[in-house]
């Protein structure tokens, strides 16, 4: 159970009528309210351009809560919560509308007793990050005098290192670093919090968490869907910027970082930055041989005909945007030196799942085992979503008179027995921002290191021709992805 929030505030959502607000943010607020974790005086303000009254806005949100909340609707809880939800209509591109917003929020603060504390959530297009932040400052809504004002920013945080650095400079000119919460919703997943306990709380794992015992580490984030309604964004980001720069590198840093001196936010962030900076940069030859990109074409998936990426609505018919990426990377530190990390992510893959596989080194083929068949490497599987848990696979003799080996699995499923008690990512992230806990949020140093690594790839891609599409929907990506691992005697573990 998370710690309850003890300080009231006004939670202002820019993009209050958007999809993220309806699917994630308000259901998260409802779930936190149901569990008694929010301060009863907390106010929620949705800011948008649609001509809605507060009552109409509340009715729209009720439908979203009923559809997306992990708990069934309790009318008594909703009736109390809805009285604290308000709607403010404004045009975010009109600076003077921020003056009206300031006056309106000040009045709400006086009547609700929120003591001047504000949490601003930017659930808007990235082009609006800068003007919103600057207008909050221009119209005196960020003073941090006698109260706190914080900002939560959705990804993407920049398009490359240069744009990310500029955006960070703008935001830090208004908000101090300790009041900036850069969201990567993967970091809010319950299993990632448990990962540190599993690793650092068990000598069995931590003592062998290195290249001496591990053959390779694989991270897979698969999606079964195509681009859907995100064509405008995805066409300019692709799998590299959308998934690898943020989610996969963050997940990799958590898995591979050195033990922090404590589990506070700064200590964990410092170790993640050290690891990300240890990733070896690749020259053009290695970029060509160690990275595979792909784009799904048309085909049959789960018995249904699906369009190729280039046929999706809003996509250029000759687009070279990648919907799949796989890579082999190395870290230049003592713990992992020489051991490969394999990362892959893609759309239209067979399963929607995110997981980590640690493949341990195989036992030597000593005389004793030559009579036995079926020996497999030990695997430690960390399941992030949709299943949450950890599995350890090892070898045992199959019962009977023969000499056959079978694999045995020790399995812990975190969200099987405790499913209703496992909070969604946004519940954890909102609660942590309200408590001023930055552990699960990316620091600027982490983002800087990630973009530095990714920019090297995009620089090479800009001068390399591709032949798309190159994989069928419902497969694990282009054949070159399997060939990449096969060159080093490895293969993907498709869980």
Protein backbone atom coordinates (compact mmCIF):
# COMPACT_ATOMS: atom_id res chain seq x y z
CA UNK A 1 0.00 0.00 0.00
CA UNK A 2 1.30 3.43 -0.94
CA UNK A 3 1.64 6.20 1.62
CA UNK A 4 -1.27 8.64 1.67
CA UNK A 5 -0.87 12.25 0.48
CA UNK A 6 -0.97 14.69 3.38
CA UNK A 7 -0.84 18.05 1.61
CA UNK A 8 -3.67 19.57 -0.50
CA UNK A 9 -3.05 21.04 -3.92
CA UNK A 10 -4.64 21.89 -7.25
CA UNK A 11 -3.84 19.26 -9.88
CA UNK A 12 -4.12 21.06 -13.23
CA UNK A 13 -4.15 18.95 -16.40
CA UNK A 14 -3.32 20.76 -19.64
CA UNK A 15 -4.96 18.53 -22.21
CA UNK A 16 -7.81 17.76 -19.86
CA UNK A 17 -10.10 16.49 -22.63
CA UNK A 18 -7.45 14.32 -24.28
CA UNK A 19 -7.18 10.56 -24.58
CA UNK A 20 -4.52 10.17 -21.87
CA UNK A 21 -6.63 12.06 -19.36
CA UNK A 22 -9.65 9.86 -20.04
CA UNK A 23 -7.84 6.50 -20.22
CA UNK A 24 -5.18 6.94 -17.55
CA UNK A 25 -5.11 10.11 -15.47
CA UNK A 26 -8.67 10.41 -14.17
CA UNK A 27 -9.07 6.63 -13.62
CA UNK A 28 -5.80 6.82 -11.66
CA UNK A 29 -7.14 9.69 -9.57
CA UNK A 30 -10.33 7.72 -8.92
CA UNK A 31 -8.40 4.61 -7.85
CA UNK A 32 -6.18 6.64 -5.51
CA UNK A 33 -9.31 8.25 -4.05
CA UNK A 34 -11.01 4.89 -3.54
CA UNK A 35 -7.97 3.63 -1.65
CA UNK A 36 -7.97 6.74 0.54
CA UNK A 37 -4.54 7.92 -0.61
CA UNK A 38 -5.36 11.45 -1.80
CA UNK A 39 -5.83 14.46 0.43
CA UNK A 40 -9.59 15.11 0.66
CA UNK A 41 -9.00 18.75 -0.24
CA UNK A 42 -7.17 18.09 -3.49
CA UNK A 43 -8.75 19.86 -6.49
CA UNK A 44 -8.56 18.58 -10.07
CA UNK A 45 -8.80 21.04 -12.98
CA UNK A 46 -9.00 19.92 -16.59
CA UNK A 47 -7.91 22.58 -19.08
CA UNK A 48 -9.05 22.27 -22.68
CA UNK A 49 -10.48 24.06 -25.72
CA UNK A 50 -13.76 22.19 -26.00
CA UNK A 51 -16.92 24.13 -25.12
CA UNK A 52 -17.91 22.10 -22.05
CA UNK A 53 -19.45 22.98 -18.73
CA UNK A 54 -17.98 21.47 -15.59
CA UNK A 55 -21.03 19.19 -15.29
CA UNK A 56 -20.61 17.96 -18.86
CA UNK A 57 -16.91 17.40 -18.22
CA UNK A 58 -17.63 15.37 -15.10
CA UNK A 59 -20.16 13.22 -16.98
CA UNK A 60 -17.58 12.49 -19.70
CA UNK A 61 -15.02 11.51 -17.12
CA UNK A 62 -17.48 9.22 -15.34
CA UNK A 63 -17.81 7.15 -18.51
CA UNK A 64 -14.03 6.89 -18.71
CA UNK A 65 -13.72 5.80 -15.09
CA UNK A 66 -16.34 3.11 -15.62
CA UNK A 67 -14.44 1.81 -18.65
CA UNK A 68 -10.81 2.11 -17.57
CA UNK A 69 -10.61 1.93 -13.76
CA UNK A 70 -9.14 -1.25 -12.28
CA UNK A 71 -11.79 -1.08 -9.55
CA UNK A 72 -15.56 -1.28 -10.14
CA UNK A 73 -17.32 2.05 -9.85
CA UNK A 74 -18.50 3.00 -6.39
CA UNK A 75 -21.01 5.80 -6.69
CA UNK A 76 -20.31 7.12 -3.20
CA UNK A 77 -16.61 7.54 -4.03
CA UNK A 78 -17.32 9.12 -7.41
CA UNK A 79 -19.93 11.50 -5.97
CA UNK A 80 -17.34 12.85 -3.54
CA UNK A 81 -14.58 13.01 -6.14
CA UNK A 82 -16.59 14.72 -8.87
CA UNK A 83 -17.29 17.71 -6.62
CA UNK A 84 -13.54 18.38 -6.67
CA UNK A 85 -13.25 18.17 -10.47
CA UNK A 86 -13.52 21.38 -12.49
CA UNK A 87 -13.18 22.39 -16.12
CA UNK A 88 -11.53 25.53 -17.46
CA UNK A 89 -11.84 26.35 -21.14
CA UNK A 90 -8.96 28.19 -22.80
CA UNK A 91 -6.83 28.32 -25.93
CA UNK A 92 -3.31 27.26 -25.00
CA UNK A 93 -1.85 29.21 -27.92
CA UNK A 94 -3.32 32.49 -26.59
CA UNK A 95 -1.03 33.93 -23.92
CA UNK A 96 -3.66 36.22 -22.45
CA UNK A 97 -5.87 33.25 -21.59
CA UNK A 98 -3.24 32.33 -18.99
CA UNK A 99 -4.07 35.53 -17.13
CA UNK A 100 -7.67 34.34 -16.76
CA UNK A 101 -6.43 30.90 -15.71
CA UNK A 102 -4.26 32.43 -12.97
CA UNK A 103 -7.17 34.43 -11.56
CA UNK A 104 -9.45 31.39 -11.70
CA UNK A 105 -6.93 29.11 -9.97
CA UNK A 106 -6.21 31.76 -7.31
CA UNK A 107 -9.92 31.97 -6.53
CA UNK A 108 -10.23 28.20 -6.37
CA UNK A 109 -7.21 28.12 -4.08
CA UNK A 110 -8.85 30.58 -1.70
CA UNK A 111 -12.17 28.74 -1.57
CA UNK A 112 -10.68 25.23 -1.39
CA UNK A 113 -7.79 25.99 0.95
CA UNK A 114 -5.11 24.34 -1.18
CA UNK A 115 -2.45 26.68 0.25
CA UNK A 116 -1.00 27.69 -3.12
CA UNK A 117 0.34 24.22 -3.92
CA UNK A 118 0.06 23.38 -7.62
CA UNK A 119 0.88 20.32 -9.72
CA UNK A 120 0.77 21.05 -13.45
CA UNK A 121 0.47 18.08 -15.82
CA UNK A 122 1.40 18.66 -19.48
CA UNK A 123 -0.62 16.09 -21.41
CA UNK A 124 -0.30 18.01 -24.67
CA UNK A 125 1.65 18.02 -27.92
CA UNK A 126 5.40 18.51 -27.35
CA UNK A 127 5.29 21.80 -29.26
CA UNK A 128 3.21 23.24 -26.40
CA UNK A 129 5.61 22.35 -23.59
CA UNK A 130 7.68 25.51 -23.96
CA UNK A 131 4.84 28.08 -24.32
CA UNK A 132 2.88 26.60 -21.41
CA UNK A 133 5.88 26.65 -19.08
CA UNK A 134 6.87 30.18 -20.09
CA UNK A 135 3.32 31.47 -19.69
CA UNK A 136 2.99 29.87 -16.27
CA UNK A 137 6.04 31.90 -15.31
CA UNK A 138 4.97 35.07 -17.13
CA UNK A 139 1.64 35.21 -15.32
CA UNK A 140 3.00 34.44 -11.88
CA UNK A 141 1.77 30.88 -11.42
CA UNK A 142 5.20 29.51 -10.50
CA UNK A 143 6.70 31.36 -7.53
CA UNK A 144 7.69 28.56 -5.10
CA UNK A 145 7.37 31.06 -2.25
CA UNK A 146 5.51 29.72 0.78
CA UNK A 147 4.11 26.88 -1.34
CA UNK A 148 5.29 24.52 -4.06
CA UNK A 149 4.61 24.34 -7.78
CA UNK A 150 5.65 21.23 -9.71
CA UNK A 151 5.36 20.11 -13.32
CA UNK A 152 4.86 16.66 -14.83
CA UNK A 153 5.92 16.33 -18.46
CA UNK A 154 4.92 13.53 -20.82
CA UNK A 155 7.39 12.17 -23.35
CA UNK A 156 8.78 12.76 -25.87
CA UNK A 157 11.28 15.03 -24.14
CA UNK A 158 12.88 16.46 -27.24
CA UNK A 159 13.58 14.87 -30.60
CA UNK A 160 17.35 14.70 -30.24
CA UNK A 161 19.97 15.85 -27.75
CA UNK A 162 20.01 19.44 -29.02
CA UNK A 163 16.22 19.93 -28.79
CA UNK A 164 16.05 18.09 -25.46
CA UNK A 165 18.79 20.29 -24.00
CA UNK A 166 16.97 23.43 -25.15
CA UNK A 167 13.66 22.23 -23.69
CA UNK A 168 15.35 21.35 -20.41
CA UNK A 169 16.93 24.79 -20.23
CA UNK A 170 13.52 26.43 -20.71
CA UNK A 171 11.83 24.30 -18.06
CA UNK A 172 14.63 24.70 -15.52
CA UNK A 173 14.48 28.47 -16.00
CA UNK A 174 11.00 28.30 -14.48
CA UNK A 175 10.94 25.21 -12.24
CA UNK A 176 13.84 24.10 -10.03
CA UNK A 177 15.12 20.59 -10.91
CA UNK A 178 13.59 19.05 -7.78
CA UNK A 179 10.13 20.18 -8.96
CA UNK A 180 10.39 18.71 -12.49
CA UNK A 181 8.93 15.23 -13.06
CA UNK A 182 9.73 13.80 -16.48
CA UNK A 183 7.42 10.84 -17.06
CA UNK A 184 8.34 7.45 -18.41
CA UNK A 185 5.30 5.38 -17.51
CA UNK A 186 7.31 2.16 -17.75
CA UNK A 187 9.15 3.24 -14.61
CA UNK A 188 5.86 3.30 -12.71
CA UNK A 189 5.17 -0.38 -13.33
CA UNK A 190 5.05 -2.36 -10.13
CA UNK A 191 7.44 -5.06 -11.28
CA UNK A 192 10.23 -2.54 -11.88
CA UNK A 193 9.97 -1.41 -8.26
CA UNK A 194 10.08 -5.04 -7.21
CA UNK A 195 13.09 -5.65 -9.46
CA UNK A 196 15.42 -3.78 -7.15
CA UNK A 197 14.20 -5.75 -4.13
CA UNK A 198 14.56 -9.07 -5.97
CA UNK A 199 18.08 -8.22 -7.08
CA UNK A 200 19.54 -6.40 -4.10
CA UNK A 201 17.59 -8.31 -1.45
CA UNK A 202 18.78 -11.77 -2.50
CA UNK A 203 22.41 -12.92 -2.42
CA UNK A 204 21.39 -15.72 -4.79
CA UNK A 205 20.85 -13.18 -7.59
CA UNK A 206 23.20 -10.29 -6.86
CA UNK A 207 26.26 -12.53 -6.54
CA UNK A 208 25.81 -13.82 -10.11
CA UNK A 209 24.49 -10.57 -11.66
CA UNK A 210 27.52 -10.05 -13.92
CA UNK A 211 29.22 -11.17 -17.13
CA UNK A 212 31.12 -13.93 -15.36
CA UNK A 213 27.92 -15.96 -15.05
CA UNK A 214 25.53 -14.40 -17.59
CA UNK A 215 25.87 -15.17 -21.31
CA UNK A 216 23.59 -12.37 -22.51
CA UNK A 217 20.66 -10.21 -21.41
CA UNK A 218 17.65 -9.63 -23.66
CA UNK A 219 14.91 -7.02 -23.37
CA UNK A 220 11.78 -7.30 -25.53
CA UNK A 221 8.86 -4.87 -25.73
CA UNK A 222 6.32 -6.13 -28.22
CA UNK A 223 3.07 -4.55 -29.35
CA UNK A 224 0.39 -6.33 -31.37
CA UNK A 225 -1.21 -3.10 -32.60
CA UNK A 226 -0.15 -0.96 -35.52
CA UNK A 227 0.22 2.79 -35.51
CA UNK A 228 -3.56 3.28 -34.87
CA UNK A 229 -4.39 6.98 -34.31
CA UNK A 230 -0.81 8.10 -33.60
CA UNK A 231 0.32 8.57 -37.21
CA UNK A 232 1.13 12.26 -36.81
CA UNK A 233 3.44 11.57 -33.88
CA UNK A 234 4.82 8.19 -34.87
CA UNK A 235 5.82 9.16 -38.41
CA UNK A 236 8.34 11.61 -36.89
CA UNK A 237 9.52 9.40 -34.04
CA UNK A 238 9.58 5.75 -35.07
CA UNK A 239 10.44 2.88 -32.77
CA UNK A 240 13.88 4.30 -31.99
CA UNK A 241 12.62 7.56 -30.46
CA UNK A 242 9.24 6.32 -29.27
CA UNK A 243 10.39 3.21 -27.40
CA UNK A 244 14.14 2.65 -27.31
CA UNK A 245 15.37 6.10 -26.30
CA UNK A 246 13.06 6.17 -23.30
CA UNK A 247 11.46 2.89 -22.22
CA UNK A 248 14.04 0.30 -23.23
CA UNK A 249 17.14 2.24 -22.19
CA UNK A 250 15.52 3.12 -18.87
CA UNK A 251 14.63 -0.52 -18.29
CA UNK A 252 18.14 -1.59 -19.26
CA UNK A 253 19.67 0.93 -16.84
CA UNK A 254 17.58 -0.41 -13.96
CA UNK A 255 18.56 -4.00 -14.77
CA UNK A 256 22.29 -3.34 -15.27
CA UNK A 257 23.18 -0.47 -12.91
CA UNK A 258 25.56 -0.92 -9.98
CA UNK A 259 24.05 -1.27 -6.50
CA UNK A 260 23.18 2.24 -5.23
CA UNK A 261 24.36 3.33 -1.79
CA UNK A 262 20.68 3.66 -0.82
CA UNK A 263 17.26 3.37 -2.48
CA UNK A 264 16.61 7.12 -2.52
CA UNK A 265 15.97 8.91 -5.79
CA UNK A 266 19.40 10.54 -6.18
CA UNK A 267 21.37 7.37 -5.50
CA UNK A 268 19.36 5.31 -7.99
CA UNK A 269 19.50 8.02 -10.64
CA UNK A 270 23.27 8.41 -10.22
CA UNK A 271 23.86 4.71 -10.88
CA UNK A 272 21.54 4.67 -13.90
CA UNK A 273 23.42 7.62 -15.40
CA UNK A 274 26.78 5.89 -14.86
CA UNK A 275 25.56 2.83 -16.71
CA UNK A 276 24.03 4.75 -19.61
CA UNK A 277 27.27 6.66 -20.04
CA UNK A 278 29.15 3.35 -20.11
CA UNK A 279 27.37 2.14 -23.25
CA UNK A 280 29.93 1.87 -26.00
CA UNK A 281 29.41 4.14 -28.99
CA UNK A 282 29.44 2.32 -32.32
CA UNK A 283 31.19 3.36 -35.50
CA UNK A 284 29.45 3.04 -38.87
CA UNK A 285 30.57 -0.54 -39.36
CA UNK A 286 29.17 -1.65 -36.00
CA UNK A 287 25.99 0.35 -36.52
CA UNK A 288 25.49 -1.49 -39.80
CA UNK A 289 26.08 -4.94 -38.32
CA UNK A 290 24.67 -4.55 -34.80
CA UNK A 291 21.35 -2.79 -35.47
CA UNK A 292 18.35 -4.03 -37.44
CA UNK A 293 15.38 -1.85 -38.26
CA UNK A 294 12.13 -2.92 -39.82
CA UNK A 295 8.70 -1.84 -40.96
CA UNK A 296 5.63 -4.06 -41.03
CA UNK A 297 3.88 -4.71 -44.32
CA UNK A 298 0.32 -5.87 -45.04
CA UNK A 299 -0.77 -9.40 -44.18
CA UNK A 300 -2.92 -11.67 -42.06
CA UNK A 301 -2.75 -11.44 -38.27
CA UNK A 302 -4.95 -13.49 -35.96
CA UNK A 303 -7.17 -14.35 -38.90
CA UNK A 304 -7.68 -10.68 -39.83
CA UNK A 305 -6.31 -8.77 -42.80
CA UNK A 306 -4.23 -5.83 -41.59
CA UNK A 307 -2.71 -2.95 -43.49
CA UNK A 308 0.98 -2.32 -43.80
CA UNK A 309 2.46 0.72 -42.13
CA UNK A 310 2.61 2.62 -45.40
CA UNK A 311 -1.10 2.03 -45.94
CA UNK A 312 -2.10 3.35 -42.49
CA UNK A 313 -4.10 6.59 -42.39
CA UNK A 314 -1.84 9.62 -42.19
CA UNK A 315 1.33 7.75 -43.22
CA UNK A 316 3.32 8.70 -46.32
CA UNK A 317 3.08 5.89 -48.91
CA UNK A 318 6.89 5.80 -49.22
CA UNK A 319 7.62 6.27 -45.52
CA UNK A 320 10.92 4.93 -44.19
CA UNK A 321 9.91 5.24 -40.54
CA UNK A 322 10.90 2.13 -38.61
CA UNK A 323 8.26 0.23 -36.63
CA UNK A 324 10.81 -2.29 -35.35
CA UNK A 325 14.34 -2.10 -34.04
CA UNK A 326 16.70 -4.72 -32.64
CA UNK A 327 20.27 -4.15 -31.52
CA UNK A 328 23.32 -5.65 -29.90
CA UNK A 329 25.10 -3.28 -27.54
CA UNK A 330 27.97 -3.52 -25.08
CA UNK A 331 28.83 -1.64 -21.91
CA UNK A 332 32.41 -0.63 -21.16
CA UNK A 333 32.39 -1.26 -17.42
CA UNK A 334 33.83 -3.98 -15.21
CA UNK A 335 30.57 -5.78 -14.39
CA UNK A 336 29.37 -6.20 -17.96
CA UNK A 337 32.49 -5.85 -20.10
CA UNK A 338 32.28 -8.11 -23.16
CA UNK A 339 28.74 -9.39 -22.49
CA UNK A 340 26.07 -8.38 -25.04
CA UNK A 341 22.74 -6.78 -24.34
CA UNK A 342 20.08 -7.48 -26.97
CA UNK A 343 17.18 -5.02 -27.18
CA UNK A 344 14.17 -5.19 -29.51
CA UNK A 345 10.81 -3.52 -29.81
CA UNK A 346 8.22 -3.46 -32.54
CA UNK A 347 4.63 -3.10 -33.62
CA UNK A 348 2.45 -5.87 -35.09
CA UNK A 349 4.35 -8.53 -33.15
CA UNK A 350 2.75 -11.82 -32.02
CA UNK A 351 2.29 -10.79 -28.39
CA UNK A 352 1.86 -7.64 -26.35
CA UNK A 353 4.47 -8.17 -23.69
CA UNK A 354 7.51 -6.62 -22.09
CA UNK A 355 10.10 -8.81 -20.44
CA UNK A 356 13.78 -9.28 -19.61
CA UNK A 357 15.60 -12.59 -20.08
CA UNK A 358 18.96 -13.31 -18.48
CA UNK A 359 20.54 -16.32 -20.15
CA UNK A 360 23.22 -17.83 -17.93
CA UNK A 361 26.34 -19.48 -19.26
CA UNK A 362 25.91 -23.15 -20.10
CA UNK A 363 27.60 -25.87 -18.09
CA UNK A 364 30.64 -27.49 -19.72
CA UNK A 365 29.93 -30.71 -21.60
CA UNK A 366 31.67 -33.00 -19.14
CA UNK A 367 31.56 -36.74 -19.60
CA UNK A 368 28.77 -37.21 -17.06
CA UNK A 369 26.25 -35.24 -19.08
CA UNK A 370 27.08 -36.69 -22.49
CA UNK A 371 24.64 -39.52 -21.76
CA UNK A 372 21.85 -37.04 -21.09
CA UNK A 373 19.68 -35.20 -23.59
CA UNK A 374 17.79 -31.94 -23.29
CA UNK A 375 20.24 -29.75 -21.35
CA UNK A 376 19.17 -26.07 -21.55
CA UNK A 377 20.79 -22.89 -20.22
CA UNK A 378 19.41 -21.48 -16.99
CA UNK A 379 17.10 -18.52 -17.57
CA UNK A 380 15.96 -15.76 -15.25
CA UNK A 381 12.84 -14.19 -16.77
CA UNK A 382 11.53 -10.86 -15.48
CA UNK A 383 7.99 -10.23 -16.72
CA UNK A 384 7.04 -6.54 -16.79
CA UNK A 385 3.67 -6.61 -18.57
CA UNK A 386 0.96 -7.84 -18.93
CA UNK A 387 2.11 -10.61 -16.62
CA UNK A 388 4.15 -9.29 -13.70
CA UNK A 389 6.57 -11.63 -12.04
CA UNK A 390 9.79 -13.57 -12.19
CA UNK A 391 10.63 -17.10 -13.36
CA UNK A 392 13.79 -19.14 -12.87
CA UNK A 393 14.38 -22.05 -15.26
CA UNK A 394 16.82 -24.84 -14.44
CA UNK A 395 17.57 -28.44 -15.43
CA UNK A 396 16.45 -31.64 -13.69
CA UNK A 397 16.32 -35.30 -14.63
CA UNK A 398 13.01 -36.39 -16.07
CA UNK A 399 11.43 -39.11 -13.90
CA UNK A 400 11.85 -42.62 -15.27
CA UNK A 401 14.56 -45.03 -16.29
CA UNK A 402 15.88 -42.94 -19.18
CA UNK A 403 18.58 -40.29 -19.24
CA UNK A 404 16.47 -37.34 -20.34
CA UNK A 405 16.73 -33.90 -18.85
CA UNK A 406 13.71 -31.63 -18.48
CA UNK A 407 13.50 -27.96 -17.65
CA UNK A 408 11.86 -26.99 -14.37
CA UNK A 409 10.50 -23.53 -13.67
CA UNK A 410 10.16 -21.73 -10.36
CA UNK A 411 7.58 -19.04 -11.00
CA UNK A 412 6.35 -16.05 -9.03
CA UNK A 413 3.43 -14.20 -10.60
CA UNK A 414 3.04 -10.84 -8.91
CA UNK A 415 -0.30 -9.85 -10.40
CA UNK A 416 -2.02 -13.25 -10.27
CA UNK A 417 -2.91 -13.36 -6.59
CA UNK A 418 -2.68 -9.61 -6.03
CA UNK A 419 -4.08 -8.29 -9.30
CA UNK A 420 -6.56 -5.79 -7.85
CA UNK A 421 -3.90 -4.48 -5.47
CA UNK A 422 -1.31 -3.79 -8.17
CA UNK A 423 -1.55 -0.07 -8.97
CA UNK A 424 -1.40 1.18 -12.52
CA UNK A 425 1.71 3.12 -13.54
CA UNK A 426 0.01 6.49 -13.50
CA UNK A 427 -1.36 5.96 -10.01
CA UNK A 428 2.15 5.45 -8.70
CA UNK A 429 3.60 8.34 -10.72
CA UNK A 430 0.92 10.87 -9.73
CA UNK A 431 1.17 9.86 -6.08
CA UNK A 432 4.97 10.13 -6.12
CA UNK A 433 4.87 13.58 -7.72
CA UNK A 434 2.45 14.75 -5.05
CA UNK A 435 4.81 13.35 -2.39
CA UNK A 436 7.83 14.90 -4.15
CA UNK A 437 9.50 11.51 -4.70
CA UNK A 438 11.51 11.53 -7.96
CA UNK A 439 12.75 7.93 -7.78
CA UNK A 440 10.61 6.73 -10.70
CA UNK A 441 11.17 9.79 -12.89
CA UNK A 442 13.99 10.31 -15.36
CA UNK A 443 16.58 12.93 -14.48
CA UNK A 444 17.97 15.29 -17.08
CA UNK A 445 21.32 13.49 -16.89
CA UNK A 446 19.64 10.19 -17.83
CA UNK A 447 17.81 11.79 -20.76
CA UNK A 448 21.01 13.48 -21.90
CA UNK A 449 22.92 10.18 -21.87
CA UNK A 450 20.10 8.38 -23.71
CA UNK A 451 19.87 10.98 -26.45
CA UNK A 452 23.64 11.00 -26.86
CA UNK A 453 23.52 7.26 -27.53
CA UNK A 454 20.50 7.48 -29.87
CA UNK A 455 21.79 10.47 -31.85
CA UNK A 456 24.72 8.37 -32.99
CA UNK A 457 22.27 5.90 -34.52
CA UNK A 458 20.08 8.47 -36.25
CA UNK A 459 23.19 10.15 -37.70
CA UNK A 460 24.09 6.89 -39.41
CA UNK A 461 20.53 6.10 -40.50
CA UNK A 462 20.25 9.46 -42.23
CA UNK A 463 22.80 8.29 -44.80
CA UNK A 464 21.79 4.62 -45.11
CA UNK A 465 19.16 3.35 -47.56
CA UNK A 466 16.52 0.87 -46.36
CA UNK A 467 14.26 -1.63 -48.06
CA UNK A 468 10.84 -1.43 -46.40
CA UNK A 469 8.54 -3.16 -45.60
CA UNK A 470 10.59 -6.13 -44.44
CA UNK A 471 8.49 -8.13 -41.96
CA UNK A 472 5.00 -9.56 -41.92
CA UNK A 473 2.49 -8.67 -39.19
CA UNK A 474 2.24 -11.26 -36.46
CA UNK A 475 5.96 -12.15 -36.63
CA UNK A 476 8.88 -11.25 -34.37
CA UNK A 477 10.32 -8.79 -36.87
CA UNK A 478 12.54 -9.10 -39.94
CA UNK A 479 14.71 -12.24 -40.39
CA UNK A 480 17.83 -10.09 -39.99
CA UNK A 481 16.93 -9.74 -36.30
CA UNK A 482 17.36 -13.49 -35.77
CA UNK A 483 20.48 -13.50 -37.92
CA UNK A 484 22.01 -10.78 -35.74
CA UNK A 485 21.97 -13.04 -32.67
CA UNK A 486 22.81 -16.19 -34.61
CA UNK A 487 26.16 -14.69 -35.65
CA UNK A 488 27.17 -14.79 -31.99
CA UNK A 489 25.68 -18.19 -31.18
CA UNK A 490 22.58 -16.76 -29.52
CA UNK A 491 18.85 -16.63 -30.27
CA UNK A 492 15.88 -14.61 -29.12
CA UNK A 493 13.80 -16.01 -26.30
CA UNK A 494 10.19 -15.52 -27.43
CA UNK A 495 8.16 -15.78 -24.25
